[in-house]
Amino acid sequence: MNGRGISSKSAFWLFILLAVYVFVQTAWWVFLMARLVDEKVDLAQQLGGDQALVDQIVAEEVRRQVMVGLEGVVFLVLICLGAWLIYRALIKTRELTFHQQNFLMAVTHELKTPLASIKIYLDSLQSPKIPNEKKVAILPKMGEDLSRLQKLVENILDAGRFERSGYRLNKSSFSLSRLVKEALDMTEKVPVHKPVALDRSIEDGIEIFGDRTALLRAISAVLENSLKYNNEPEIHIEARLTKEEDRITLRISDNGVGLGAGDVQAVFNRFYRVGQELQRQHSGTGLGLYLCREIIRAHGGEIAAQSAGPGKGTTFTITMKANTHENNSSR
């Protein structure tokens, strides 16, 4: 990583050097203690001590060295453990700083694009050279840019709310089956520059007690991720909603860019985005899947990602209990 302070590589080598130093010091201490025993035995023999005295001296020194040695081993383990914890804390701090910098660059880009577009539209509306019919056509485009800005601001504010005190749900009973169908219908209407094939298998009649707006937002975030991160000539998305006893499972699979082993869990972290921000081809802030996970967890469920590797698509699995009435206080 770049930036001021100690890099993760430097911190790693610093930890290794400290561990080696402590080990060498311990080995040298053991060697000196062994020599001390030999010196005491030689001194006792020089002063005319018999074998019984020599054996007594050796036994006492061995007991003393075992006692001190055990204390030394505990001390060594504590030093190594402390050094490791400091190293891990430093690495996590560096990673968080890295992702926050990526987030700031992403937000700057996400704000700059619609603001620049709105400015151009306003200039066009004020120009007497633009026909009225074209000015009327500009208004829906301005509305789309404003909606994009509103969604970005809401994501940032909600991320802060989750981090501080959780997310308060507005719960009611509703059909999850219809909600998933609605999310898929919305996905079909998203403008993309390639064919989209949606394979849906939605079990009817699945009811749930929860926040309809929040769950629609969470499911839409997963579908949006499948649309956005796909380099294939045709986008394939498969959605499966099933219920077994009191367990609801929603699986959304795609043929997109896939995930590496280190990204499968990390994609749900706040600000996390795969790769370097300046090298990205896709917009985003790294908050969509984070908010999705927090919304699902607020409903007592879990979301997980599975991928066979980069270029092999991703499957997101959401599991929740099929509660038709409130049995837990909302967060």
Protein backbone atom coordinates (compact mmCIF):
# COMPACT_ATOMS: atom_id res chain seq x y z
CA MET A 1 0.00 0.00 0.00
CA ASN A 2 1.08 3.51 -0.64
CA GLY A 3 0.82 6.46 1.70
CA ARG A 4 2.51 7.79 4.80
CA GLY A 5 3.45 5.66 7.77
CA ILE A 6 4.63 2.08 7.94
CA SER A 7 3.52 -0.07 5.02
CA SER A 8 2.09 -3.55 5.54
CA LYS A 9 5.26 -5.09 4.09
CA SER A 10 7.49 -3.10 6.45
CA ALA A 11 5.25 -4.02 9.39
CA PHE A 12 5.51 -7.69 8.45
CA TRP A 13 9.31 -7.64 8.36
CA LEU A 14 9.40 -5.66 11.60
CA PHE A 15 7.30 -8.36 13.25
CA ILE A 16 9.57 -11.12 11.86
CA LEU A 17 12.73 -9.35 13.09
CA LEU A 18 11.21 -8.86 16.55
CA ALA A 19 10.17 -12.52 16.75
CA VAL A 20 13.64 -13.70 15.63
CA TYR A 21 15.32 -11.36 18.13
CA VAL A 22 13.20 -12.67 21.02
CA PHE A 23 13.88 -16.29 19.98
CA VAL A 24 17.65 -15.73 19.73
CA GLN A 25 17.68 -13.97 23.12
CA THR A 26 15.82 -16.91 24.65
CA ALA A 27 18.20 -19.46 23.13
CA TRP A 28 21.20 -17.46 24.36
CA TRP A 29 19.69 -17.24 27.85
CA VAL A 30 19.19 -21.04 27.95
CA PHE A 31 22.79 -21.55 26.82
CA LEU A 32 24.14 -19.24 29.57
CA MET A 33 22.06 -20.99 32.22
CA ALA A 34 23.46 -24.36 31.13
CA ARG A 35 27.00 -22.99 31.36
CA LEU A 36 26.25 -21.66 34.85
CA VAL A 37 25.38 -25.19 36.01
CA ASP A 38 28.64 -26.55 34.62
CA GLU A 39 30.59 -23.78 36.35
CA LYS A 40 28.95 -24.51 39.73
CA VAL A 41 29.65 -28.23 39.36
CA ASP A 42 33.30 -27.55 38.48
CA LEU A 43 33.64 -25.20 41.46
CA ALA A 44 32.15 -27.78 43.84
CA GLN A 45 34.51 -30.47 42.55
CA GLN A 46 37.52 -28.13 42.88
CA LEU A 47 36.60 -27.45 46.52
CA GLY A 48 36.52 -31.18 47.24
CA GLY A 49 32.79 -31.76 47.25
CA ASP A 50 31.65 -35.38 46.94
CA GLN A 51 29.33 -36.75 44.27
CA ALA A 52 26.26 -36.37 46.51
CA LEU A 53 26.92 -32.63 46.80
CA VAL A 54 27.44 -32.36 43.06
CA ASP A 55 24.16 -34.18 42.39
CA GLN A 56 22.36 -31.91 44.87
CA ILE A 57 23.75 -28.80 43.15
CA VAL A 58 22.70 -30.13 39.72
CA ALA A 59 19.19 -31.02 40.94
CA GLU A 60 18.68 -27.60 42.56
CA GLU A 61 19.91 -25.78 39.47
CA VAL A 62 17.72 -27.90 37.18
CA ARG A 63 14.61 -27.12 39.30
CA ARG A 64 15.51 -23.43 39.35
CA GLN A 65 16.12 -23.36 35.62
CA VAL A 66 12.87 -25.22 34.88
CA MET A 67 10.94 -22.70 36.98
CA VAL A 68 12.66 -19.71 35.44
CA GLY A 69 12.47 -21.34 32.00
CA LEU A 70 8.70 -21.77 32.22
CA GLU A 71 8.37 -18.13 33.19
CA GLY A 72 10.59 -17.22 30.27
CA VAL A 73 8.50 -19.28 27.84
CA VAL A 74 5.31 -17.57 29.04
CA PHE A 75 7.04 -14.20 28.65
CA LEU A 76 8.19 -15.15 25.15
CA VAL A 77 4.69 -16.24 24.14
CA LEU A 78 3.20 -13.02 25.49
CA ILE A 79 5.74 -10.90 23.61
CA CYS A 80 5.10 -12.77 20.34
CA LEU A 81 1.34 -12.59 20.85
CA GLY A 82 1.49 -8.87 21.59
CA ALA A 83 3.69 -8.25 18.55
CA TRP A 84 1.29 -10.25 16.38
CA LEU A 85 -1.76 -8.36 17.66
CA ILE A 86 -0.02 -5.03 17.04
CA TYR A 87 0.91 -6.18 13.55
CA ARG A 88 -2.65 -7.29 12.77
CA ALA A 89 -4.08 -4.02 14.13
CA LEU A 90 -1.68 -2.07 11.94
CA ILE A 91 -2.65 -4.09 8.87
CA LYS A 92 -6.38 -3.63 9.54
CA THR A 93 -5.86 0.10 10.03
CA ARG A 94 -3.97 0.33 6.75
CA GLU A 95 -6.68 -1.66 4.95
CA LEU A 96 -9.44 0.56 6.35
CA THR A 97 -7.51 3.67 5.32
CA PHE A 98 -7.04 2.22 1.84
CA HIS A 99 -10.74 1.44 1.42
CA GLN A 100 -11.76 4.83 2.81
CA GLN A 101 -9.50 6.51 0.25
CA ASN A 102 -11.12 4.39 -2.47
CA PHE A 103 -14.52 5.39 -1.11
CA LEU A 104 -13.68 9.10 -1.21
CA MET A 105 -12.48 8.81 -4.80
CA ALA A 106 -15.60 6.84 -5.75
CA VAL A 107 -17.94 9.34 -4.07
CA THR A 108 -16.14 12.22 -5.77
CA HIS A 109 -16.67 10.54 -9.13
CA GLU A 110 -20.28 9.61 -8.36
CA LEU A 111 -21.06 13.21 -7.36
CA LYS A 112 -19.13 14.86 -10.16
CA THR A 113 -20.81 13.00 -13.03
CA PRO A 114 -24.49 13.82 -12.32
CA LEU A 115 -23.66 17.34 -11.12
CA ALA A 116 -21.83 18.07 -14.36
CA SER A 117 -24.73 16.59 -16.31
CA ILE A 118 -27.31 18.68 -14.42
CA LYS A 119 -25.25 21.84 -15.03
CA ILE A 120 -25.24 21.15 -18.77
CA TYR A 121 -28.99 20.55 -18.72
CA LEU A 122 -29.59 23.82 -16.84
CA ASP A 123 -27.44 25.72 -19.32
CA SER A 124 -29.45 24.15 -22.13
CA LEU A 125 -32.76 25.12 -20.51
CA GLN A 126 -31.60 28.72 -20.22
CA SER A 127 -30.40 28.91 -23.81
CA PRO A 128 -32.79 30.59 -26.27
CA LYS A 129 -31.25 28.53 -29.07
CA ILE A 130 -32.67 25.23 -27.74
CA PRO A 131 -36.20 24.42 -28.99
CA ASN A 132 -38.88 23.97 -26.35
CA GLU A 133 -39.56 20.37 -27.32
CA LYS A 134 -35.91 19.48 -26.62
CA LYS A 135 -36.05 21.35 -23.32
CA VAL A 136 -39.03 19.24 -22.29
CA ALA A 137 -37.05 16.06 -23.12
CA ILE A 138 -34.24 17.21 -20.84
CA LEU A 139 -36.39 17.25 -17.69
CA PRO A 140 -36.68 13.44 -17.25
CA LYS A 141 -32.91 13.12 -17.65
CA MET A 142 -32.39 15.71 -14.93
CA GLY A 143 -34.78 13.72 -12.76
CA GLU A 144 -32.69 10.56 -13.29
CA ASP A 145 -29.51 12.39 -12.26
CA LEU A 146 -31.21 13.80 -9.17
CA SER A 147 -32.47 10.33 -8.23
CA ARG A 148 -28.93 9.02 -8.59
CA LEU A 149 -27.64 11.74 -6.26
CA GLN A 150 -30.43 11.07 -3.77
CA LYS A 151 -29.64 7.35 -3.71
CA LEU A 152 -25.95 8.06 -3.14
CA VAL A 153 -26.68 10.40 -0.22
CA GLU A 154 -29.14 7.91 1.31
CA ASN A 155 -26.55 5.12 1.11
CA ILE A 156 -23.94 7.24 2.86
CA LEU A 157 -26.36 8.33 5.59
CA ASP A 158 -27.67 4.79 6.15
CA ALA A 159 -24.12 3.41 6.35
CA GLY A 160 -23.50 5.86 9.19
CA ARG A 161 -26.74 4.86 10.91
CA PHE A 162 -25.87 1.16 10.77
CA GLU A 163 -22.42 1.85 12.17
CA ARG A 164 -23.73 3.93 15.09
CA SER A 165 -26.98 2.39 16.25
CA GLY A 166 -28.33 -0.06 13.73
CA TYR A 167 -31.27 0.32 11.39
CA ARG A 168 -34.82 0.79 12.67
CA LEU A 169 -37.20 -1.28 10.60
CA ASN A 170 -40.78 -0.40 9.70
CA LYS A 171 -42.20 -3.91 9.82
CA SER A 172 -45.41 -5.34 8.43
CA SER A 173 -46.60 -8.60 6.88
CA PHE A 174 -46.27 -8.82 3.10
CA SER A 175 -45.62 -11.25 0.25
CA LEU A 176 -41.91 -11.79 -0.30
CA SER A 177 -42.75 -13.64 -3.51
CA ARG A 178 -44.30 -10.51 -5.02
CA LEU A 179 -41.44 -8.37 -3.70
CA VAL A 180 -38.79 -10.51 -5.45
CA LYS A 181 -40.81 -10.44 -8.67
CA GLU A 182 -41.02 -6.66 -8.40
CA ALA A 183 -37.23 -6.42 -7.94
CA LEU A 184 -36.69 -8.62 -10.99
CA ASP A 185 -39.13 -6.55 -13.07
CA MET A 186 -37.22 -3.41 -12.06
CA THR A 187 -33.96 -5.09 -13.08
CA GLU A 188 -35.32 -5.84 -16.55
CA LYS A 189 -36.00 -2.13 -17.02
CA VAL A 190 -32.48 -1.01 -16.10
CA PRO A 191 -30.79 0.40 -19.24
CA VAL A 192 -27.73 -1.68 -20.16
CA HIS A 193 -25.84 -1.95 -23.43
CA LYS A 194 -26.08 -5.72 -23.78
CA PRO A 195 -28.78 -8.42 -23.71
CA VAL A 196 -30.02 -9.53 -20.29
CA ALA A 197 -31.50 -12.99 -19.71
CA LEU A 198 -33.41 -13.39 -16.43
CA ASP A 199 -34.19 -16.94 -15.35
CA ARG A 200 -36.66 -16.78 -12.47
CA SER A 201 -38.16 -19.50 -10.30
CA ILE A 202 -40.20 -17.81 -7.58
CA GLU A 203 -42.30 -19.92 -5.25
CA ASP A 204 -45.67 -18.24 -4.73
CA GLY A 205 -47.30 -17.53 -1.39
CA ILE A 206 -44.19 -16.88 0.68
CA GLU A 207 -45.09 -14.38 3.40
CA ILE A 208 -42.72 -12.56 5.73
CA PHE A 209 -42.87 -10.00 8.52
CA GLY A 210 -40.37 -7.26 7.81
CA ASP A 211 -39.56 -3.92 6.25
CA ARG A 212 -40.73 -4.14 2.63
CA THR A 213 -38.85 -1.06 1.44
CA ALA A 214 -35.59 -2.11 3.08
CA LEU A 215 -35.75 -5.68 1.70
CA LEU A 216 -36.56 -4.39 -1.79
CA ARG A 217 -33.49 -2.19 -1.51
CA ALA A 218 -31.31 -5.10 -0.38
CA ILE A 219 -32.44 -7.49 -3.13
CA SER A 220 -32.15 -4.76 -5.76
CA ALA A 221 -28.57 -4.10 -4.63
CA VAL A 222 -27.62 -7.73 -5.32
CA LEU A 223 -29.32 -7.66 -8.74
CA GLU A 224 -27.64 -4.34 -9.56
CA ASN A 225 -24.29 -5.90 -8.64
CA SER A 226 -24.96 -8.76 -11.06
CA LEU A 227 -25.79 -6.30 -13.84
CA LYS A 228 -22.86 -3.99 -13.21
CA TYR A 229 -20.00 -6.45 -12.81
CA ASN A 230 -20.37 -8.48 -15.98
CA ASN A 231 -18.05 -8.44 -18.99
CA GLU A 232 -19.82 -11.17 -20.97
CA PRO A 233 -21.61 -10.42 -24.28
CA GLU A 234 -24.91 -11.41 -22.62
CA ILE A 235 -25.81 -11.11 -18.94
CA HIS A 236 -27.39 -14.20 -17.38
CA ILE A 237 -29.08 -13.87 -13.98
CA GLU A 238 -30.83 -16.75 -12.25
CA ALA A 239 -33.12 -16.08 -9.27
CA ARG A 240 -34.55 -18.87 -7.09
CA LEU A 241 -36.88 -18.23 -4.14
CA THR A 242 -37.87 -21.27 -2.08
CA LYS A 243 -39.28 -22.06 1.35
CA GLU A 244 -38.62 -25.18 3.39
CA GLU A 245 -40.54 -25.36 6.67
CA ASP A 246 -39.80 -21.98 8.32
CA ARG A 247 -36.68 -21.20 6.26
CA ILE A 248 -36.70 -18.92 3.20
CA THR A 249 -33.83 -19.05 0.71
CA LEU A 250 -33.22 -16.63 -2.14
CA ARG A 251 -30.35 -17.44 -4.51
CA ILE A 252 -29.23 -14.99 -7.18
CA SER A 253 -26.56 -16.30 -9.57
CA ASP A 254 -24.86 -14.56 -12.47
CA ASN A 255 -22.20 -15.16 -15.11
CA GLY A 256 -20.25 -12.04 -14.17
CA VAL A 257 -16.67 -11.27 -13.24
CA GLY A 258 -16.71 -13.55 -10.19
CA LEU A 259 -14.73 -13.18 -6.97
CA GLY A 260 -11.36 -14.28 -5.72
CA ALA A 261 -11.05 -16.29 -2.50
CA GLY A 262 -10.07 -13.20 -0.53
CA ASP A 263 -13.03 -11.17 -1.83
CA VAL A 264 -15.89 -13.57 -1.03
CA GLN A 265 -16.27 -12.33 2.55
CA ALA A 266 -14.76 -8.88 2.07
CA VAL A 267 -17.32 -7.69 -0.51
CA PHE A 268 -19.81 -7.12 2.32
CA ASN A 269 -17.45 -4.84 4.23
CA ARG A 270 -18.07 -1.11 4.31
CA PHE A 271 -16.24 0.81 1.54
CA TYR A 272 -14.81 -2.44 0.09
CA ARG A 273 -14.43 -2.67 -3.66
CA VAL A 274 -12.29 -5.13 -5.58
CA GLY A 275 -9.12 -3.64 -7.08
CA GLN A 276 -7.79 -0.11 -7.34
CA GLU A 277 -10.26 2.75 -7.58
CA LEU A 278 -8.50 4.55 -10.41
CA GLN A 279 -8.44 1.36 -12.52
CA ARG A 280 -12.15 0.58 -12.25
CA GLN A 281 -14.53 0.38 -15.16
CA HIS A 282 -17.68 0.39 -13.01
CA SER A 283 -19.20 3.07 -10.82
CA GLY A 284 -20.05 2.54 -7.18
CA THR A 285 -19.05 3.43 -3.62
CA GLY A 286 -18.60 0.05 -1.93
CA LEU A 287 -21.71 0.54 0.22
CA GLY A 288 -24.40 -1.39 -1.68
CA LEU A 289 -23.58 -4.92 -0.49
CA TYR A 290 -22.64 -3.64 2.96
CA LEU A 291 -26.09 -2.10 3.38
CA CYS A 292 -27.65 -5.24 1.90
CA ARG A 293 -25.95 -7.41 4.54
CA GLU A 294 -26.97 -5.09 7.38
CA ILE A 295 -30.60 -5.01 6.22
CA ILE A 296 -30.72 -8.81 5.98
CA ARG A 297 -29.12 -9.15 9.42
CA ALA A 298 -31.62 -6.66 10.85
CA HIS A 299 -34.29 -9.15 9.73
CA GLY A 300 -32.50 -12.00 11.52
CA GLY A 301 -31.13 -13.44 8.26
CA GLU A 302 -27.77 -13.90 6.59
CA ILE A 303 -26.30 -13.33 3.13
CA ALA A 304 -23.28 -15.14 1.70
CA ALA A 305 -21.40 -15.05 -1.59
CA GLN A 306 -19.93 -18.02 -3.44
CA SER A 307 -17.74 -17.97 -6.53
CA ALA A 308 -15.56 -20.48 -8.32
CA GLY A 309 -13.08 -17.69 -9.00
CA PRO A 310 -12.52 -14.62 -11.19
CA GLY A 311 -14.47 -14.81 -14.44
CA LYS A 312 -16.71 -17.63 -13.21
CA GLY A 313 -19.72 -15.75 -11.87
CA THR A 314 -21.08 -15.26 -8.37
CA THR A 315 -23.96 -16.66 -6.36
CA PHE A 316 -25.50 -14.66 -3.53
CA THR A 317 -27.57 -16.66 -1.04
CA ILE A 318 -29.99 -14.93 1.32
CA THR A 319 -31.58 -16.98 4.10
CA MET A 320 -34.27 -15.73 6.50
CA LYS A 321 -36.89 -17.13 8.82
CA ALA A 322 -40.45 -17.09 7.47
CA ASN A 323 -41.94 -14.97 10.26
CA THR A 324 -45.50 -13.89 9.60
CA HIS A 325 -45.73 -11.95 12.88
CA GLU A 326 -43.32 -9.93 14.98
CA ASN A 327 -41.45 -12.06 17.53
CA ASN A 328 -38.36 -9.93 17.90
CA SER A 329 -37.95 -6.24 18.58
CA SER A 330 -36.60 -4.36 15.57
CA ARG A 331 -33.20 -2.82 15.67
